[in-house]
Amino acid sequence: MDETIQNRVLEAIYRRILQAHKEQEDFRVIIVLPLLPGFQGGLDDGGAATVRALT
């Protein structure tokens, strides 16, 4: 196992990919990321200018 992995979810995906590769089987990983980062307030708040610039 790669000692640099600290995230258990990432570690589980990593191990499963290695297993699929070793067994020469098809395996897909679908990762869904949020469009906007979580922050307090709305998109029209003054502190959200950076987020608005990105969207």
PDB file of N, CA and C in Angstrom:
ATOM      1  N   MET A   1       0.840  -1.185   0.000  1.00  0.00           N
ATOM      2  CA  MET A   1       0.000   0.000   0.000  1.00  0.00           C
ATOM      3  C   MET A   1       0.879   1.240   0.000  1.00  0.00           C
ATOM      4  N   ASP A   2       0.459   2.256  -0.707  1.00  0.00           N
ATOM      5  CA  ASP A   2       1.164   3.533  -0.756  1.00  0.00           C
ATOM      6  C   ASP A   2       0.930   4.273   0.559  1.00  0.00           C
ATOM      7  N   GLU A   3       1.984   4.604   1.258  1.00  0.00           N
ATOM      8  CA  GLU A   3       1.871   5.227   2.574  1.00  0.00           C
ATOM      9  C   GLU A   3       1.409   6.682   2.517  1.00  0.00           C
ATOM     10  N   THR A   4       1.375   7.306   1.345  1.00  0.00           N
ATOM     11  CA  THR A   4       0.961   8.702   1.264  1.00  0.00           C
ATOM     12  C   THR A   4      -0.554   8.870   1.282  1.00  0.00           C
ATOM     13  N   ILE A   5      -1.308   7.810   1.127  1.00  0.00           N
ATOM     14  CA  ILE A   5      -2.767   7.907   1.124  1.00  0.00           C
ATOM     15  C   ILE A   5      -3.265   8.019   2.558  1.00  0.00           C
ATOM     16  N   GLN A   6      -4.012   9.088   2.852  1.00  0.00           N
ATOM     17  CA  GLN A   6      -4.539   9.324   4.190  1.00  0.00           C
ATOM     18  C   GLN A   6      -6.065   9.212   4.248  1.00  0.00           C
ATOM     19  N   ASN A   7      -6.720   9.294   3.124  1.00  0.00           N
ATOM     20  CA  ASN A   7      -8.168   9.287   3.038  1.00  0.00           C
ATOM     21  C   ASN A   7      -8.653   7.846   2.866  1.00  0.00           C
ATOM     22  N   ARG A   8      -9.538   7.371   3.754  1.00  0.00           N
ATOM     23  CA  ARG A   8      -9.981   5.974   3.690  1.00  0.00           C
ATOM     24  C   ARG A   8     -10.823   5.683   2.454  1.00  0.00           C
ATOM     25  N   VAL A   9     -11.610   6.641   2.008  1.00  0.00           N
ATOM     26  CA  VAL A   9     -12.399   6.436   0.788  1.00  0.00           C
ATOM     27  C   VAL A   9     -11.457   6.301  -0.400  1.00  0.00           C
ATOM     28  N   LEU A  10     -10.500   7.206  -0.482  1.00  0.00           N
ATOM     29  CA  LEU A  10      -9.519   7.145  -1.562  1.00  0.00           C
ATOM     30  C   LEU A  10      -8.728   5.840  -1.498  1.00  0.00           C
ATOM     31  N   GLU A  11      -8.382   5.416  -0.306  1.00  0.00           N
ATOM     32  CA  GLU A  11      -7.636   4.164  -0.152  1.00  0.00           C
ATOM     33  C   GLU A  11      -8.454   2.976  -0.650  1.00  0.00           C
ATOM     34  N   ALA A  12      -9.758   2.955  -0.344  1.00  0.00           N
ATOM     35  CA  ALA A  12     -10.623   1.862  -0.797  1.00  0.00           C
ATOM     36  C   ALA A  12     -10.723   1.843  -2.323  1.00  0.00           C
ATOM     37  N   ILE A  13     -10.853   3.018  -2.935  1.00  0.00           N
ATOM     38  CA  ILE A  13     -10.905   3.098  -4.398  1.00  0.00           C
ATOM     39  C   ILE A  13      -9.584   2.632  -4.991  1.00  0.00           C
ATOM     40  N   TYR A  14      -8.495   3.090  -4.412  1.00  0.00           N
ATOM     41  CA  TYR A  14      -7.148   2.720  -4.862  1.00  0.00           C
ATOM     42  C   TYR A  14      -6.953   1.202  -4.824  1.00  0.00           C
ATOM     43  N   ARG A  15      -7.324   0.591  -3.710  1.00  0.00           N
ATOM     44  CA  ARG A  15      -7.167  -0.866  -3.579  1.00  0.00           C
ATOM     45  C   ARG A  15      -8.037  -1.612  -4.585  1.00  0.00           C
ATOM     46  N   ARG A  16      -9.253  -1.106  -4.809  1.00  0.00           N
ATOM     47  CA  ARG A  16     -10.165  -1.779  -5.742  1.00  0.00           C
ATOM     48  C   ARG A  16      -9.661  -1.664  -7.173  1.00  0.00           C
ATOM     49  N   ILE A  17      -9.087  -0.522  -7.526  1.00  0.00           N
ATOM     50  CA  ILE A  17      -8.507  -0.362  -8.860  1.00  0.00           C
ATOM     51  C   ILE A  17      -7.342  -1.319  -9.038  1.00  0.00           C
ATOM     52  N   LEU A  18      -6.491  -1.429  -8.032  1.00  0.00           N
ATOM     53  CA  LEU A  18      -5.360  -2.360  -8.110  1.00  0.00           C
ATOM     54  C   LEU A  18      -5.837  -3.799  -8.264  1.00  0.00           C
ATOM     55  N   GLN A  19      -6.890  -4.162  -7.517  1.00  0.00           N
ATOM     56  CA  GLN A  19      -7.437  -5.516  -7.611  1.00  0.00           C
ATOM     57  C   GLN A  19      -7.974  -5.782  -9.012  1.00  0.00           C
ATOM     58  N   ALA A  20      -8.715  -4.836  -9.560  1.00  0.00           N
ATOM     59  CA  ALA A  20      -9.270  -5.002 -10.907  1.00  0.00           C
ATOM     60  C   ALA A  20      -8.155  -5.127 -11.934  1.00  0.00           C
ATOM     61  N   HIS A  21      -7.115  -4.347 -11.774  1.00  0.00           N
ATOM     62  CA  HIS A  21      -5.983  -4.425 -12.702  1.00  0.00           C
ATOM     63  C   HIS A  21      -5.294  -5.790 -12.602  1.00  0.00           C
ATOM     64  N   LYS A  22      -5.092  -6.240 -11.383  1.00  0.00           N
ATOM     65  CA  LYS A  22      -4.429  -7.531 -11.164  1.00  0.00           C
ATOM     66  C   LYS A  22      -5.242  -8.678 -11.767  1.00  0.00           C
ATOM     67  N   GLU A  23      -6.566  -8.591 -11.621  1.00  0.00           N
ATOM     68  CA  GLU A  23      -7.449  -9.646 -12.130  1.00  0.00           C
ATOM     69  C   GLU A  23      -7.888  -9.385 -13.575  1.00  0.00           C
ATOM     70  N   GLN A  24      -7.359  -8.343 -14.182  1.00  0.00           N
ATOM     71  CA  GLN A  24      -7.664  -7.969 -15.568  1.00  0.00           C
ATOM     72  C   GLN A  24      -9.169  -7.898 -15.825  1.00  0.00           C
ATOM     73  N   GLU A  25      -9.871  -7.235 -14.914  1.00  0.00           N
ATOM     74  CA  GLU A  25     -11.312  -7.075 -15.066  1.00  0.00           C
ATOM     75  C   GLU A  25     -11.650  -5.604 -15.294  1.00  0.00           C
ATOM     76  N   ASP A  26     -12.776  -5.375 -15.956  1.00  0.00           N
ATOM     77  CA  ASP A  26     -13.253  -4.014 -16.155  1.00  0.00           C
ATOM     78  C   ASP A  26     -13.724  -3.454 -14.822  1.00  0.00           C
ATOM     79  N   PHE A  27     -13.377  -2.218 -14.567  1.00  0.00           N
ATOM     80  CA  PHE A  27     -13.822  -1.549 -13.350  1.00  0.00           C
ATOM     81  C   PHE A  27     -13.854  -0.056 -13.620  1.00  0.00           C
ATOM     82  N   ARG A  28     -14.930   0.582 -13.237  1.00  0.00           N
ATOM     83  CA  ARG A  28     -15.067   2.021 -13.450  1.00  0.00           C
ATOM     84  C   ARG A  28     -15.264   2.721 -12.115  1.00  0.00           C
ATOM     85  N   VAL A  29     -14.709   3.900 -12.020  1.00  0.00           N
ATOM     86  CA  VAL A  29     -14.919   4.761 -10.862  1.00  0.00           C
ATOM     87  C   VAL A  29     -15.572   6.035 -11.377  1.00  0.00           C
ATOM     88  N   ILE A  30     -16.684   6.389 -10.784  1.00  0.00           N
ATOM     89  CA  ILE A  30     -17.367   7.631 -11.141  1.00  0.00           C
ATOM     90  C   ILE A  30     -17.303   8.539  -9.923  1.00  0.00           C
ATOM     91  N   ILE A  31     -16.662   9.679 -10.090  1.00  0.00           N
ATOM     92  CA  ILE A  31     -16.505  10.628  -8.993  1.00  0.00           C
ATOM     93  C   ILE A  31     -17.342  11.860  -9.311  1.00  0.00           C
ATOM     94  N   VAL A  32     -18.215  12.223  -8.386  1.00  0.00           N
ATOM     95  CA  VAL A  32     -19.087  13.383  -8.553  1.00  0.00           C
ATOM     96  C   VAL A  32     -18.619  14.465  -7.593  1.00  0.00           C
ATOM     97  N   LEU A  33     -18.314  15.636  -8.142  1.00  0.00           N
ATOM     98  CA  LEU A  33     -17.863  16.769  -7.339  1.00  0.00           C
ATOM     99  C   LEU A  33     -18.922  17.862  -7.362  1.00  0.00           C
ATOM    100  N   PRO A  34     -19.084  18.586  -6.252  1.00  0.00           N
ATOM    101  CA  PRO A  34     -20.062  19.673  -6.245  1.00  0.00           C
ATOM    102  C   PRO A  34     -19.644  20.802  -7.182  1.00  0.00           C
ATOM    103  N   LEU A  35     -20.611  21.445  -7.790  1.00  0.00           N
ATOM    104  CA  LEU A  35     -20.335  22.561  -8.678  1.00  0.00           C
ATOM    105  C   LEU A  35     -19.769  23.745  -7.905  1.00  0.00           C
ATOM    106  N   LEU A  36     -20.333  23.995  -6.732  1.00  0.00           N
ATOM    107  CA  LEU A  36     -19.894  25.114  -5.901  1.00  0.00           C
ATOM    108  C   LEU A  36     -19.373  24.597  -4.571  1.00  0.00           C
ATOM    109  N   PRO A  37     -18.353  25.236  -4.018  1.00  0.00           N
ATOM    110  CA  PRO A  37     -17.867  24.833  -2.698  1.00  0.00           C
ATOM    111  C   PRO A  37     -18.876  25.235  -1.624  1.00  0.00           C
ATOM    112  N   GLY A  38     -18.866  24.532  -0.523  1.00  0.00           N
ATOM    113  CA  GLY A  38     -19.752  24.881   0.578  1.00  0.00           C
ATOM    114  C   GLY A  38     -19.225  26.096   1.318  1.00  0.00           C
ATOM    115  N   PHE A  39     -20.071  27.078   1.544  1.00  0.00           N
ATOM    116  CA  PHE A  39     -19.693  28.258   2.314  1.00  0.00           C
ATOM    117  C   PHE A  39     -20.960  28.877   2.884  1.00  0.00           C
ATOM    118  N   GLN A  40     -20.792  29.671   3.922  1.00  0.00           N
ATOM    119  CA  GLN A  40     -21.939  30.318   4.539  1.00  0.00           C
ATOM    120  C   GLN A  40     -22.398  31.476   3.673  1.00  0.00           C
ATOM    121  N   GLY A  41     -23.683  31.685   3.644  1.00  0.00           N
ATOM    122  CA  GLY A  41     -24.234  32.798   2.894  1.00  0.00           C
ATOM    123  C   GLY A  41     -24.659  32.389   1.498  1.00  0.00           C
ATOM    124  N   GLY A  42     -25.167  33.364   0.777  1.00  0.00           N
ATOM    125  CA  GLY A  42     -25.640  33.115  -0.575  1.00  0.00           C
ATOM    126  C   GLY A  42     -24.660  33.612  -1.613  1.00  0.00           C
ATOM    127  N   LEU A  43     -24.951  33.321  -2.852  1.00  0.00           N
ATOM    128  CA  LEU A  43     -24.077  33.756  -3.943  1.00  0.00           C
ATOM    129  C   LEU A  43     -24.113  35.268  -4.152  1.00  0.00           C
ATOM    130  N   ASP A  44     -25.134  35.927  -3.623  1.00  0.00           N
ATOM    131  CA  ASP A  44     -25.222  37.378  -3.783  1.00  0.00           C
ATOM    132  C   ASP A  44     -24.552  38.138  -2.639  1.00  0.00           C
ATOM    133  N   ASP A  45     -23.991  37.441  -1.645  1.00  0.00           N
ATOM    134  CA  ASP A  45     -23.273  38.084  -0.542  1.00  0.00           C
ATOM    135  C   ASP A  45     -21.931  38.620  -1.027  1.00  0.00           C
ATOM    136  N   GLY A  46     -21.424  39.647  -0.356  1.00  0.00           N
ATOM    137  CA  GLY A  46     -20.152  40.257  -0.728  1.00  0.00           C
ATOM    138  C   GLY A  46     -18.988  39.290  -0.686  1.00  0.00           C
ATOM    139  N   GLY A  47     -18.989  38.343   0.246  1.00  0.00           N
ATOM    140  CA  GLY A  47     -17.888  37.398   0.380  1.00  0.00           C
ATOM    141  C   GLY A  47     -17.855  36.326  -0.688  1.00  0.00           C
ATOM    142  N   ALA A  48     -18.869  36.299  -1.535  1.00  0.00           N
ATOM    143  CA  ALA A  48     -18.954  35.254  -2.559  1.00  0.00           C
ATOM    144  C   ALA A  48     -18.458  35.735  -3.920  1.00  0.00           C
ATOM    145  N   ALA A  49     -17.774  36.872  -3.960  1.00  0.00           N
ATOM    146  CA  ALA A  49     -17.327  37.429  -5.244  1.00  0.00           C
ATOM    147  C   ALA A  49     -16.415  36.464  -5.992  1.00  0.00           C
ATOM    148  N   THR A  50     -15.529  35.794  -5.276  1.00  0.00           N
ATOM    149  CA  THR A  50     -14.611  34.850  -5.919  1.00  0.00           C
ATOM    150  C   THR A  50     -15.376  33.684  -6.524  1.00  0.00           C
ATOM    151  N   VAL A  51     -16.359  33.179  -5.790  1.00  0.00           N
ATOM    152  CA  VAL A  51     -17.158  32.061  -6.292  1.00  0.00           C
ATOM    153  C   VAL A  51     -17.945  32.502  -7.517  1.00  0.00           C
ATOM    154  N   ARG A  52     -18.504  33.702  -7.483  1.00  0.00           N
ATOM    155  CA  ARG A  52     -19.251  34.206  -8.643  1.00  0.00           C
ATOM    156  C   ARG A  52     -18.338  34.361  -9.852  1.00  0.00           C
ATOM    157  N   ALA A  53     -17.097  34.755  -9.622  1.00  0.00           N
ATOM    158  CA  ALA A  53     -16.153  34.927 -10.730  1.00  0.00           C
ATOM    159  C   ALA A  53     -15.843  33.596 -11.398  1.00  0.00           C
ATOM    160  N   LEU A  54     -15.919  32.509 -10.639  1.00  0.00           N
ATOM    161  CA  LEU A  54     -15.601  31.185 -11.174  1.00  0.00           C
ATOM    162  C   LEU A  54     -16.775  30.555 -11.903  1.00  0.00           C
ATOM    163  N   THR A  55     -17.992  31.023 -11.631  1.00  0.00           N
ATOM    164  CA  THR A  55     -19.167  30.379 -12.225  1.00  0.00           C
ATOM    165  C   THR A  55     -19.714  31.119 -13.393  1.00  0.00           C
TER     166      THR A  55
END
